[in-house]
Amino acid sequence: MAKEMTETARAAKSAENSIFIGGKPFMNYVTGVVMQFNINKAKEVTIKSRGKFISKAVDVAEVSRRKFLTDIKVSVKKVSIGSEEFENKEGKLVNVSVLEIVLRRD
């Protein structure tokens, strides 16, 4: 039972340090990543995106790392790609690409 609670706590902490990229302005996401590292002292931040927002996620990761987090060493720990199936507005099942970038404080 203790192991289950540990895994649940770890999953909650992971979700807390996740940035989901969408239609908001670019700098909102960069600010979110920088805040996770500087204010919340996160060891890792996960940037997640789907579909047309994948390129924005890559840009957020790189701008955060190269322009705003120069005082601390942050590297790309892992990049995961995949696809998810979901039902669109017309009720058809469609696949959408998924990207996950994990940044780690070194």
N, C-alpha and C. Protein backbone atom coordinates (compact mmCIF):
# COMPACT_ATOMS: atom_id res chain seq x y z
N MET A 1 0.82 -1.19 0.00
CA MET A 1 0.00 0.00 0.00
C MET A 1 0.86 1.26 0.00
N ALA A 2 1.96 1.26 0.76
CA ALA A 2 2.85 2.41 0.80
C ALA A 2 3.46 2.67 -0.57
N LYS A 3 3.76 1.60 -1.29
CA LYS A 3 4.32 1.76 -2.62
C LYS A 3 3.33 2.43 -3.55
N GLU A 4 2.04 2.07 -3.45
CA GLU A 4 1.01 2.69 -4.26
C GLU A 4 0.90 4.18 -3.98
N MET A 5 0.97 4.56 -2.72
CA MET A 5 0.88 5.98 -2.37
C MET A 5 2.10 6.73 -2.89
N THR A 6 3.25 6.11 -2.87
CA THR A 6 4.45 6.73 -3.39
C THR A 6 4.32 6.97 -4.88
N GLU A 7 3.82 5.99 -5.62
CA GLU A 7 3.62 6.14 -7.05
C GLU A 7 2.58 7.22 -7.35
N THR A 8 1.53 7.28 -6.55
CA THR A 8 0.51 8.30 -6.73
C THR A 8 1.09 9.69 -6.45
N ALA A 9 1.87 9.80 -5.41
CA ALA A 9 2.50 11.09 -5.08
C ALA A 9 3.46 11.51 -6.19
N ARG A 10 4.19 10.54 -6.74
CA ARG A 10 5.13 10.83 -7.82
C ARG A 10 4.39 11.30 -9.06
N ALA A 11 3.27 10.67 -9.38
CA ALA A 11 2.48 11.07 -10.54
C ALA A 11 1.90 12.47 -10.35
N ALA A 12 1.45 12.78 -9.14
CA ALA A 12 0.91 14.11 -8.86
C ALA A 12 2.00 15.16 -8.98
N LYS A 13 3.20 14.86 -8.49
CA LYS A 13 4.32 15.80 -8.58
C LYS A 13 4.71 16.01 -10.03
N SER A 14 4.68 14.95 -10.83
CA SER A 14 5.00 15.05 -12.24
C SER A 14 4.01 15.95 -12.97
N ALA A 15 2.72 15.79 -12.67
CA ALA A 15 1.69 16.61 -13.29
C ALA A 15 1.85 18.07 -12.88
N GLU A 16 2.31 18.28 -11.66
CA GLU A 16 2.52 19.63 -11.15
C GLU A 16 3.61 20.35 -11.94
N ASN A 17 4.61 19.62 -12.40
CA ASN A 17 5.73 20.20 -13.14
C ASN A 17 5.57 20.03 -14.65
N SER A 18 4.35 19.96 -15.13
CA SER A 18 4.08 19.80 -16.55
C SER A 18 3.49 21.08 -17.13
N ILE A 19 3.93 21.40 -18.32
CA ILE A 19 3.41 22.55 -19.06
C ILE A 19 2.75 21.98 -20.31
N PHE A 20 1.45 22.26 -20.49
CA PHE A 20 0.71 21.78 -21.64
C PHE A 20 0.59 22.92 -22.65
N ILE A 21 1.16 22.74 -23.83
CA ILE A 21 1.21 23.78 -24.84
C ILE A 21 -0.11 23.80 -25.62
N GLY A 22 -0.63 25.01 -25.80
CA GLY A 22 -1.88 25.19 -26.54
C GLY A 22 -1.87 26.51 -27.29
N GLY A 23 -2.98 27.19 -27.28
CA GLY A 23 -3.16 28.40 -28.08
C GLY A 23 -2.82 29.71 -27.40
N LYS A 24 -2.34 29.67 -26.16
CA LYS A 24 -1.96 30.91 -25.47
C LYS A 24 -0.70 31.50 -26.10
N PRO A 25 -0.42 32.76 -25.78
CA PRO A 25 0.81 33.36 -26.32
C PRO A 25 2.06 32.61 -25.90
N PHE A 26 3.02 32.57 -26.80
CA PHE A 26 4.27 31.83 -26.65
C PHE A 26 4.97 32.12 -25.32
N MET A 27 5.10 33.38 -24.98
CA MET A 27 5.85 33.76 -23.78
C MET A 27 5.18 33.31 -22.49
N ASN A 28 3.89 33.07 -22.50
CA ASN A 28 3.22 32.53 -21.31
C ASN A 28 3.81 31.17 -20.94
N TYR A 29 4.09 30.35 -21.94
CA TYR A 29 4.64 29.02 -21.70
C TYR A 29 6.10 29.09 -21.27
N VAL A 30 6.86 29.98 -21.90
CA VAL A 30 8.26 30.16 -21.51
C VAL A 30 8.32 30.60 -20.05
N THR A 31 7.47 31.56 -19.68
CA THR A 31 7.42 32.04 -18.30
C THR A 31 7.07 30.90 -17.35
N GLY A 32 6.15 30.04 -17.74
CA GLY A 32 5.78 28.89 -16.91
C GLY A 32 6.94 27.95 -16.67
N VAL A 33 7.71 27.67 -17.71
CA VAL A 33 8.87 26.78 -17.57
C VAL A 33 9.91 27.42 -16.65
N VAL A 34 10.21 28.70 -16.88
CA VAL A 34 11.21 29.40 -16.07
C VAL A 34 10.77 29.45 -14.61
N MET A 35 9.50 29.70 -14.36
CA MET A 35 8.99 29.74 -12.99
C MET A 35 9.12 28.40 -12.30
N GLN A 36 8.86 27.32 -13.02
CA GLN A 36 8.99 25.98 -12.42
C GLN A 36 10.41 25.75 -11.92
N PHE A 37 11.39 26.14 -12.73
CA PHE A 37 12.78 25.93 -12.33
C PHE A 37 13.24 26.92 -11.26
N ASN A 38 12.93 28.20 -11.42
CA ASN A 38 13.47 29.22 -10.52
C ASN A 38 12.68 29.39 -9.22
N ILE A 39 11.38 29.43 -9.29
CA ILE A 39 10.56 29.69 -8.10
C ILE A 39 10.23 28.39 -7.36
N ASN A 40 9.78 27.37 -8.10
CA ASN A 40 9.39 26.10 -7.48
C ASN A 40 10.57 25.16 -7.29
N LYS A 41 11.75 25.53 -7.81
CA LYS A 41 12.97 24.73 -7.67
C LYS A 41 12.79 23.30 -8.18
N ALA A 42 12.04 23.15 -9.25
CA ALA A 42 11.79 21.83 -9.83
C ALA A 42 13.09 21.26 -10.40
N LYS A 43 13.28 19.97 -10.24
CA LYS A 43 14.43 19.27 -10.83
C LYS A 43 14.18 18.99 -12.31
N GLU A 44 12.90 18.71 -12.63
CA GLU A 44 12.51 18.42 -14.01
C GLU A 44 11.22 19.13 -14.33
N VAL A 45 11.08 19.54 -15.60
CA VAL A 45 9.85 20.13 -16.11
C VAL A 45 9.52 19.42 -17.41
N THR A 46 8.27 18.99 -17.55
CA THR A 46 7.83 18.29 -18.75
C THR A 46 6.97 19.22 -19.58
N ILE A 47 7.32 19.35 -20.85
CA ILE A 47 6.55 20.15 -21.80
C ILE A 47 5.81 19.17 -22.69
N LYS A 48 4.47 19.28 -22.73
CA LYS A 48 3.66 18.34 -23.50
C LYS A 48 2.86 19.10 -24.54
N SER A 49 2.71 18.50 -25.73
CA SER A 49 1.91 19.12 -26.78
C SER A 49 1.34 18.08 -27.72
N ARG A 50 0.33 18.52 -28.47
CA ARG A 50 -0.32 17.64 -29.45
C ARG A 50 -0.54 18.41 -30.74
N GLY A 51 -0.55 17.68 -31.84
CA GLY A 51 -0.93 18.23 -33.13
C GLY A 51 -0.16 19.46 -33.57
N LYS A 52 -0.90 20.50 -33.92
CA LYS A 52 -0.29 21.70 -34.50
C LYS A 52 0.55 22.50 -33.51
N PHE A 53 0.51 22.15 -32.23
CA PHE A 53 1.28 22.88 -31.22
C PHE A 53 2.64 22.26 -30.93
N ILE A 54 3.01 21.21 -31.66
CA ILE A 54 4.28 20.54 -31.43
C ILE A 54 5.46 21.47 -31.70
N SER A 55 5.41 22.22 -32.78
CA SER A 55 6.53 23.12 -33.08
C SER A 55 6.66 24.21 -32.02
N LYS A 56 5.53 24.66 -31.47
CA LYS A 56 5.57 25.66 -30.40
C LYS A 56 6.23 25.07 -29.16
N ALA A 57 5.99 23.80 -28.87
CA ALA A 57 6.60 23.15 -27.70
C ALA A 57 8.11 23.09 -27.84
N VAL A 58 8.60 22.77 -29.02
CA VAL A 58 10.05 22.73 -29.26
C VAL A 58 10.63 24.13 -29.05
N ASP A 59 9.98 25.14 -29.59
CA ASP A 59 10.45 26.52 -29.43
C ASP A 59 10.45 26.95 -27.97
N VAL A 60 9.41 26.59 -27.22
CA VAL A 60 9.33 26.92 -25.80
C VAL A 60 10.51 26.30 -25.05
N ALA A 61 10.79 25.04 -25.32
CA ALA A 61 11.89 24.35 -24.65
C ALA A 61 13.23 25.02 -24.96
N GLU A 62 13.46 25.32 -26.21
CA GLU A 62 14.75 25.89 -26.60
C GLU A 62 14.92 27.33 -26.14
N VAL A 63 13.90 28.15 -26.25
CA VAL A 63 14.00 29.54 -25.79
C VAL A 63 14.17 29.58 -24.28
N SER A 64 13.43 28.74 -23.57
CA SER A 64 13.56 28.69 -22.11
C SER A 64 14.98 28.33 -21.72
N ARG A 65 15.51 27.31 -22.36
CA ARG A 65 16.83 26.79 -22.03
C ARG A 65 17.95 27.76 -22.41
N ARG A 66 17.88 28.29 -23.62
CA ARG A 66 19.00 29.07 -24.16
C ARG A 66 18.97 30.55 -23.78
N LYS A 67 17.79 31.12 -23.57
CA LYS A 67 17.70 32.56 -23.35
C LYS A 67 17.37 32.95 -21.91
N PHE A 68 16.57 32.14 -21.22
CA PHE A 68 16.07 32.54 -19.91
C PHE A 68 16.64 31.74 -18.74
N LEU A 69 17.20 30.58 -18.99
CA LEU A 69 17.74 29.76 -17.91
C LEU A 69 19.25 29.63 -18.04
N THR A 70 19.91 30.75 -18.36
CA THR A 70 21.36 30.72 -18.56
C THR A 70 22.13 30.66 -17.24
N ASP A 71 21.49 31.10 -16.15
CA ASP A 71 22.17 31.09 -14.84
C ASP A 71 22.22 29.70 -14.22
N ILE A 72 21.32 28.81 -14.64
CA ILE A 72 21.36 27.42 -14.18
C ILE A 72 21.50 26.53 -15.41
N LYS A 73 22.12 25.40 -15.23
CA LYS A 73 22.33 24.47 -16.34
C LYS A 73 21.10 23.59 -16.50
N VAL A 74 20.42 23.73 -17.63
CA VAL A 74 19.24 22.92 -17.93
C VAL A 74 19.49 22.22 -19.26
N SER A 75 19.24 20.91 -19.28
CA SER A 75 19.43 20.13 -20.50
C SER A 75 18.17 19.34 -20.82
N VAL A 76 18.12 18.86 -22.04
CA VAL A 76 17.01 18.01 -22.47
C VAL A 76 17.32 16.59 -22.01
N LYS A 77 16.48 16.08 -21.11
CA LYS A 77 16.69 14.73 -20.58
C LYS A 77 16.11 13.69 -21.54
N LYS A 78 14.89 13.97 -22.04
CA LYS A 78 14.21 12.96 -22.84
C LYS A 78 13.22 13.64 -23.78
N VAL A 79 13.08 13.09 -24.97
CA VAL A 79 12.06 13.52 -25.92
C VAL A 79 11.29 12.28 -26.32
N SER A 80 9.97 12.32 -26.15
CA SER A 80 9.11 11.19 -26.51
C SER A 80 8.10 11.63 -27.55
N ILE A 81 7.89 10.77 -28.53
CA ILE A 81 6.88 11.04 -29.55
C ILE A 81 5.90 9.88 -29.60
N GLY A 82 4.73 10.16 -30.11
CA GLY A 82 3.73 9.12 -30.23
C GLY A 82 2.48 9.67 -30.88
N SER A 83 1.40 8.92 -30.77
CA SER A 83 0.12 9.40 -31.28
C SER A 83 -0.99 8.91 -30.36
N GLU A 84 -2.04 9.70 -30.31
CA GLU A 84 -3.21 9.36 -29.51
C GLU A 84 -4.42 9.33 -30.42
N GLU A 85 -5.34 8.46 -30.10
CA GLU A 85 -6.58 8.38 -30.86
C GLU A 85 -7.69 9.02 -30.05
N PHE A 86 -8.46 9.89 -30.69
CA PHE A 86 -9.60 10.48 -29.99
C PHE A 86 -10.72 10.75 -30.98
N GLU A 87 -11.88 11.05 -30.47
CA GLU A 87 -13.06 11.28 -31.28
C GLU A 87 -13.20 12.78 -31.57
N ASN A 88 -13.31 13.13 -32.87
CA ASN A 88 -13.44 14.54 -33.22
C ASN A 88 -14.89 15.00 -33.12
N LYS A 89 -15.16 16.24 -33.54
CA LYS A 89 -16.50 16.82 -33.41
C LYS A 89 -17.56 16.06 -34.21
N GLU A 90 -17.14 15.46 -35.32
CA GLU A 90 -18.07 14.69 -36.15
C GLU A 90 -18.27 13.26 -35.66
N GLY A 91 -17.58 12.88 -34.60
CA GLY A 91 -17.72 11.54 -34.06
C GLY A 91 -16.78 10.52 -34.67
N LYS A 92 -15.86 10.95 -35.53
CA LYS A 92 -14.90 10.03 -36.15
C LYS A 92 -13.66 9.90 -35.28
N LEU A 93 -13.09 8.70 -35.26
CA LEU A 93 -11.83 8.49 -34.55
C LEU A 93 -10.68 8.98 -35.41
N VAL A 94 -9.83 9.85 -34.83
CA VAL A 94 -8.69 10.38 -35.55
C VAL A 94 -7.44 10.24 -34.68
N ASN A 95 -6.29 10.14 -35.33
CA ASN A 95 -5.01 10.10 -34.62
C ASN A 95 -4.40 11.49 -34.61
N VAL A 96 -3.79 11.84 -33.51
CA VAL A 96 -3.08 13.11 -33.39
C VAL A 96 -1.70 12.83 -32.82
N SER A 97 -0.69 13.51 -33.36
CA SER A 97 0.68 13.33 -32.89
C SER A 97 0.85 13.97 -31.52
N VAL A 98 1.74 13.36 -30.72
CA VAL A 98 1.99 13.82 -29.35
C VAL A 98 3.50 13.93 -29.15
N LEU A 99 3.93 15.02 -28.49
CA LEU A 99 5.33 15.23 -28.18
C LEU A 99 5.46 15.56 -26.70
N GLU A 100 6.48 14.99 -26.07
CA GLU A 100 6.78 15.27 -24.66
C GLU A 100 8.28 15.51 -24.54
N ILE A 101 8.63 16.68 -24.00
CA ILE A 101 10.03 17.06 -23.80
C ILE A 101 10.26 17.21 -22.31
N VAL A 102 11.26 16.51 -21.78
CA VAL A 102 11.59 16.61 -20.36
C VAL A 102 12.89 17.39 -20.24
N LEU A 103 12.81 18.53 -19.54
CA LEU A 103 14.00 19.34 -19.26
C LEU A 103 14.45 19.04 -17.85
N ARG A 104 15.76 18.94 -17.64
CA ARG A 104 16.29 18.60 -16.32
C ARG A 104 17.35 19.62 -15.90
N ARG A 105 17.26 20.00 -14.64
CA ARG A 105 18.30 20.85 -14.05
C ARG A 105 19.52 19.97 -13.78
N ASP A 106 20.67 20.38 -14.28
CA ASP A 106 21.90 19.61 -14.07
C ASP A 106 22.63 20.04 -12.84
